[in-house]
Amino acid sequence: MDRMEDSGSSGGGSIPSGAAMSEGKFFAYVIRSIHFDYIYKGHCKDLELRLNQHNSGLTKSIRAYIPFRVIYYEEFLTLEEAISREKYFKSAAGRRFLQRKLAP
């Protein structure tokens, strides 16, 4: 299942409904800095918690770009699937896919 958040929203990192932690769900996600032209791709079990960690500065490598908001995510039944999809997002083909998917 894939979901996009309205990229024009001004929310400071809100999570689309249904993306909080639940049994047997894993996420591959894309977040965008609200103030910079910076996109980060990752995977997690609890999307809301992970976004809060990013926006709290707990991810040192992207701390300079906070705050973030979720712009796209996909839901999976296994961690392996989520990791695989994150790796795809980071590939050239995955970047092209996201560019088409997130285009206005």
N, C-alpha and C. Protein backbone atom coordinates (compact mmCIF):
# COMPACT_ATOMS: atom_id res chain seq x y z
N MET A 1 0.86 -1.17 0.00
CA MET A 1 0.00 0.00 0.00
C MET A 1 0.90 1.23 0.00
N ASP A 2 0.58 2.19 -0.84
CA ASP A 2 1.36 3.41 -0.84
C ASP A 2 0.47 4.59 -0.52
N ARG A 3 1.08 5.59 0.07
CA ARG A 3 0.35 6.80 0.47
C ARG A 3 1.24 8.00 0.23
N MET A 4 0.59 9.09 -0.16
CA MET A 4 1.30 10.35 -0.30
C MET A 4 0.60 11.37 0.57
N GLU A 5 1.39 12.26 1.12
CA GLU A 5 0.83 13.40 1.84
C GLU A 5 0.89 14.57 0.89
N ASP A 6 -0.09 15.44 0.96
CA ASP A 6 -0.11 16.63 0.12
C ASP A 6 1.18 17.40 0.34
N SER A 7 2.01 17.47 -0.71
CA SER A 7 3.30 18.13 -0.56
C SER A 7 3.17 19.63 -0.39
N GLY A 8 2.00 20.17 -0.63
CA GLY A 8 1.78 21.59 -0.44
C GLY A 8 1.33 21.95 0.97
N SER A 9 1.14 20.96 1.81
CA SER A 9 0.67 21.26 3.16
C SER A 9 1.75 21.96 3.96
N SER A 10 1.33 22.74 4.91
CA SER A 10 2.30 23.47 5.72
C SER A 10 2.51 22.82 7.07
N GLY A 11 1.95 21.63 7.27
CA GLY A 11 2.09 20.94 8.54
C GLY A 11 3.53 20.65 8.86
N GLY A 12 3.86 20.71 10.12
CA GLY A 12 5.23 20.48 10.57
C GLY A 12 5.50 19.03 10.86
N GLY A 13 5.29 18.16 9.91
CA GLY A 13 5.65 16.77 10.10
C GLY A 13 4.52 15.89 10.55
N SER A 14 3.31 16.19 10.18
CA SER A 14 2.20 15.34 10.57
C SER A 14 2.24 14.03 9.81
N ILE A 15 1.70 13.00 10.43
CA ILE A 15 1.67 11.67 9.84
C ILE A 15 0.28 11.42 9.30
N PRO A 16 0.18 10.95 8.07
CA PRO A 16 -1.13 10.60 7.54
C PRO A 16 -1.79 9.55 8.42
N SER A 17 -3.10 9.62 8.57
CA SER A 17 -3.79 8.66 9.42
C SER A 17 -3.57 7.25 8.91
N GLY A 18 -3.47 6.31 9.83
CA GLY A 18 -3.25 4.92 9.48
C GLY A 18 -1.79 4.54 9.37
N ALA A 19 -0.88 5.47 9.60
CA ALA A 19 0.54 5.17 9.45
C ALA A 19 1.24 4.98 10.78
N ALA A 20 0.51 4.96 11.86
CA ALA A 20 1.12 4.72 13.16
C ALA A 20 1.43 3.24 13.30
N MET A 21 2.19 2.91 14.32
CA MET A 21 2.61 1.53 14.53
C MET A 21 1.42 0.62 14.75
N SER A 22 1.46 -0.54 14.13
CA SER A 22 0.51 -1.60 14.39
C SER A 22 1.20 -2.92 14.15
N GLU A 23 0.64 -3.98 14.65
CA GLU A 23 1.24 -5.31 14.54
C GLU A 23 1.43 -5.70 13.08
N GLY A 24 2.63 -6.13 12.73
CA GLY A 24 2.88 -6.64 11.39
C GLY A 24 3.00 -5.61 10.30
N LYS A 25 3.23 -4.36 10.64
CA LYS A 25 3.40 -3.33 9.63
C LYS A 25 4.81 -2.78 9.68
N PHE A 26 5.37 -2.58 8.51
CA PHE A 26 6.66 -1.91 8.37
C PHE A 26 6.50 -0.90 7.25
N PHE A 27 7.31 0.13 7.28
CA PHE A 27 7.17 1.21 6.32
C PHE A 27 8.49 1.53 5.64
N ALA A 28 8.42 1.82 4.35
CA ALA A 28 9.48 2.48 3.61
C ALA A 28 8.93 3.88 3.39
N TYR A 29 9.71 4.90 3.69
CA TYR A 29 9.17 6.26 3.68
C TYR A 29 10.13 7.26 3.05
N VAL A 30 9.56 8.38 2.65
CA VAL A 30 10.32 9.50 2.12
C VAL A 30 9.88 10.73 2.89
N ILE A 31 10.84 11.45 3.44
CA ILE A 31 10.53 12.70 4.14
C ILE A 31 11.25 13.84 3.44
N ARG A 32 10.65 15.01 3.52
CA ARG A 32 11.23 16.21 2.90
C ARG A 32 11.41 17.28 3.96
N SER A 33 12.54 17.96 3.89
CA SER A 33 12.78 19.09 4.77
C SER A 33 11.80 20.20 4.42
N ILE A 34 11.25 20.83 5.42
CA ILE A 34 10.30 21.91 5.20
C ILE A 34 11.00 23.19 4.73
N HIS A 35 12.24 23.40 5.17
CA HIS A 35 12.94 24.65 4.86
C HIS A 35 14.04 24.52 3.81
N PHE A 36 14.42 23.29 3.47
CA PHE A 36 15.52 23.07 2.53
C PHE A 36 15.07 22.11 1.43
N ASP A 37 15.80 22.11 0.33
CA ASP A 37 15.54 21.16 -0.76
C ASP A 37 16.31 19.88 -0.44
N TYR A 38 15.80 19.10 0.50
CA TYR A 38 16.47 17.90 0.97
C TYR A 38 15.44 16.81 1.21
N ILE A 39 15.71 15.63 0.67
CA ILE A 39 14.82 14.47 0.82
C ILE A 39 15.61 13.34 1.46
N TYR A 40 14.97 12.62 2.37
CA TYR A 40 15.58 11.48 3.06
C TYR A 40 14.68 10.27 2.88
N LYS A 41 15.28 9.12 2.66
CA LYS A 41 14.53 7.87 2.48
C LYS A 41 14.95 6.90 3.56
N GLY A 42 13.96 6.20 4.14
CA GLY A 42 14.28 5.25 5.19
C GLY A 42 13.21 4.19 5.34
N HIS A 43 13.36 3.38 6.39
CA HIS A 43 12.37 2.36 6.73
C HIS A 43 12.23 2.31 8.25
N CYS A 44 11.08 1.82 8.71
CA CYS A 44 10.85 1.77 10.14
C CYS A 44 9.64 0.90 10.45
N LYS A 45 9.40 0.70 11.73
CA LYS A 45 8.22 -0.02 12.21
C LYS A 45 7.12 0.95 12.60
N ASP A 46 7.49 2.09 13.15
CA ASP A 46 6.53 3.08 13.64
C ASP A 46 6.85 4.42 12.97
N LEU A 47 6.08 4.77 11.97
CA LEU A 47 6.37 5.96 11.17
C LEU A 47 6.25 7.25 11.98
N GLU A 48 5.27 7.33 12.84
CA GLU A 48 5.09 8.52 13.67
C GLU A 48 6.28 8.72 14.61
N LEU A 49 6.69 7.66 15.28
CA LEU A 49 7.84 7.73 16.18
C LEU A 49 9.10 8.11 15.41
N ARG A 50 9.29 7.50 14.25
CA ARG A 50 10.50 7.77 13.46
C ARG A 50 10.56 9.22 13.01
N LEU A 51 9.43 9.77 12.57
CA LEU A 51 9.42 11.18 12.18
C LEU A 51 9.74 12.07 13.38
N ASN A 52 9.19 11.74 14.53
CA ASN A 52 9.50 12.51 15.74
C ASN A 52 10.98 12.43 16.07
N GLN A 53 11.59 11.27 15.88
CA GLN A 53 13.04 11.14 16.12
C GLN A 53 13.82 12.03 15.16
N HIS A 54 13.45 12.00 13.88
CA HIS A 54 14.12 12.86 12.90
C HIS A 54 13.98 14.32 13.29
N ASN A 55 12.76 14.74 13.62
CA ASN A 55 12.51 16.15 13.92
C ASN A 55 13.05 16.59 15.27
N SER A 56 13.44 15.64 16.11
CA SER A 56 14.06 15.95 17.40
C SER A 56 15.58 16.03 17.28
N GLY A 57 16.10 15.77 16.11
CA GLY A 57 17.54 15.86 15.89
C GLY A 57 18.30 14.61 16.27
N LEU A 58 17.61 13.49 16.46
CA LEU A 58 18.28 12.25 16.85
C LEU A 58 19.04 11.59 15.71
N THR A 59 18.74 11.97 14.48
CA THR A 59 19.47 11.45 13.33
C THR A 59 20.51 12.51 12.95
N LYS A 60 21.74 12.30 13.42
CA LYS A 60 22.78 13.31 13.31
C LYS A 60 23.03 13.76 11.86
N SER A 61 23.00 12.83 10.93
CA SER A 61 23.34 13.16 9.54
C SER A 61 22.36 14.12 8.88
N ILE A 62 21.14 14.22 9.37
CA ILE A 62 20.15 15.11 8.75
C ILE A 62 19.67 16.21 9.69
N ARG A 63 20.32 16.34 10.82
CA ARG A 63 19.91 17.31 11.84
C ARG A 63 19.83 18.74 11.29
N ALA A 64 20.74 19.10 10.39
CA ALA A 64 20.78 20.46 9.85
C ALA A 64 19.55 20.80 9.01
N TYR A 65 18.79 19.79 8.59
CA TYR A 65 17.67 20.01 7.68
C TYR A 65 16.30 19.96 8.35
N ILE A 66 16.24 19.77 9.67
CA ILE A 66 14.94 19.68 10.33
C ILE A 66 14.24 21.03 10.29
N PRO A 67 12.92 21.04 10.29
CA PRO A 67 11.97 19.93 10.45
C PRO A 67 11.64 19.26 9.11
N PHE A 68 11.11 18.04 9.22
CA PHE A 68 10.71 17.23 8.08
C PHE A 68 9.22 16.94 8.12
N ARG A 69 8.70 16.57 6.95
CA ARG A 69 7.34 16.04 6.88
C ARG A 69 7.35 14.84 5.95
N VAL A 70 6.47 13.90 6.20
CA VAL A 70 6.36 12.71 5.36
C VAL A 70 5.69 13.13 4.05
N ILE A 71 6.32 12.78 2.94
CA ILE A 71 5.71 13.09 1.65
C ILE A 71 5.26 11.83 0.92
N TYR A 72 5.78 10.66 1.35
CA TYR A 72 5.39 9.41 0.70
C TYR A 72 5.77 8.25 1.60
N TYR A 73 4.92 7.24 1.63
CA TYR A 73 5.28 6.00 2.33
C TYR A 73 4.54 4.82 1.74
N GLU A 74 5.12 3.66 1.95
CA GLU A 74 4.50 2.40 1.56
C GLU A 74 4.55 1.47 2.76
N GLU A 75 3.54 0.63 2.87
CA GLU A 75 3.38 -0.26 4.01
C GLU A 75 3.68 -1.70 3.57
N PHE A 76 4.36 -2.45 4.44
CA PHE A 76 4.74 -3.83 4.14
C PHE A 76 4.47 -4.73 5.33
N LEU A 77 4.39 -6.02 5.07
CA LEU A 77 4.16 -7.00 6.13
C LEU A 77 5.45 -7.46 6.78
N THR A 78 6.58 -7.32 6.06
CA THR A 78 7.85 -7.77 6.64
C THR A 78 8.89 -6.66 6.59
N LEU A 79 9.83 -6.74 7.51
CA LEU A 79 10.94 -5.80 7.55
C LEU A 79 11.79 -5.91 6.29
N GLU A 80 11.99 -7.11 5.81
CA GLU A 80 12.81 -7.32 4.62
C GLU A 80 12.23 -6.60 3.41
N GLU A 81 10.90 -6.64 3.27
CA GLU A 81 10.27 -5.94 2.14
C GLU A 81 10.47 -4.42 2.26
N ALA A 82 10.35 -3.89 3.46
CA ALA A 82 10.53 -2.45 3.67
C ALA A 82 11.96 -2.03 3.36
N ILE A 83 12.92 -2.82 3.81
CA ILE A 83 14.33 -2.52 3.54
C ILE A 83 14.61 -2.58 2.03
N SER A 84 14.07 -3.58 1.38
CA SER A 84 14.24 -3.71 -0.06
C SER A 84 13.67 -2.51 -0.80
N ARG A 85 12.51 -2.06 -0.38
CA ARG A 85 11.88 -0.90 -1.04
C ARG A 85 12.67 0.37 -0.78
N GLU A 86 13.21 0.53 0.44
CA GLU A 86 14.06 1.69 0.73
C GLU A 86 15.27 1.69 -0.19
N LYS A 87 15.89 0.54 -0.37
CA LYS A 87 17.05 0.44 -1.27
C LYS A 87 16.66 0.81 -2.70
N TYR A 88 15.46 0.39 -3.11
CA TYR A 88 14.97 0.76 -4.44
C TYR A 88 14.81 2.28 -4.54
N PHE A 89 14.23 2.92 -3.52
CA PHE A 89 14.05 4.37 -3.54
C PHE A 89 15.38 5.09 -3.72
N LYS A 90 16.45 4.50 -3.22
CA LYS A 90 17.77 5.13 -3.29
C LYS A 90 18.50 4.86 -4.61
N SER A 91 17.94 3.97 -5.43
CA SER A 91 18.55 3.66 -6.73
C SER A 91 18.12 4.70 -7.76
N ALA A 92 18.77 4.69 -8.91
CA ALA A 92 18.40 5.62 -9.99
C ALA A 92 16.96 5.39 -10.42
N ALA A 93 16.58 4.13 -10.59
CA ALA A 93 15.19 3.82 -10.99
C ALA A 93 14.20 4.27 -9.91
N GLY A 94 14.56 4.07 -8.67
CA GLY A 94 13.70 4.48 -7.56
C GLY A 94 13.55 5.99 -7.47
N ARG A 95 14.62 6.71 -7.73
CA ARG A 95 14.54 8.18 -7.73
C ARG A 95 13.63 8.66 -8.85
N ARG A 96 13.73 8.01 -10.03
CA ARG A 96 12.82 8.37 -11.14
C ARG A 96 11.37 8.05 -10.77
N PHE A 97 11.14 6.89 -10.14
CA PHE A 97 9.79 6.51 -9.71
C PHE A 97 9.22 7.58 -8.76
N LEU A 98 10.01 7.96 -7.76
CA LEU A 98 9.54 8.95 -6.78
C LEU A 98 9.31 10.31 -7.44
N GLN A 99 10.17 10.67 -8.37
CA GLN A 99 10.00 11.95 -9.06
C GLN A 99 8.67 11.97 -9.81
N ARG A 100 8.33 10.88 -10.50
CA ARG A 100 7.04 10.80 -11.22
C ARG A 100 5.87 10.76 -10.22
N LYS A 101 6.02 9.98 -9.16
CA LYS A 101 4.94 9.80 -8.19
C LYS A 101 4.64 11.10 -7.43
N LEU A 102 5.67 11.87 -7.15
CA LEU A 102 5.52 13.08 -6.33
C LEU A 102 5.38 14.35 -7.15
N ALA A 103 5.39 14.23 -8.46
CA ALA A 103 5.24 15.42 -9.31
C ALA A 103 3.86 16.03 -9.10
N PRO A 104 3.77 17.36 -9.15
CA PRO A 104 2.48 18.03 -8.93
C PRO A 104 1.45 17.69 -10.01
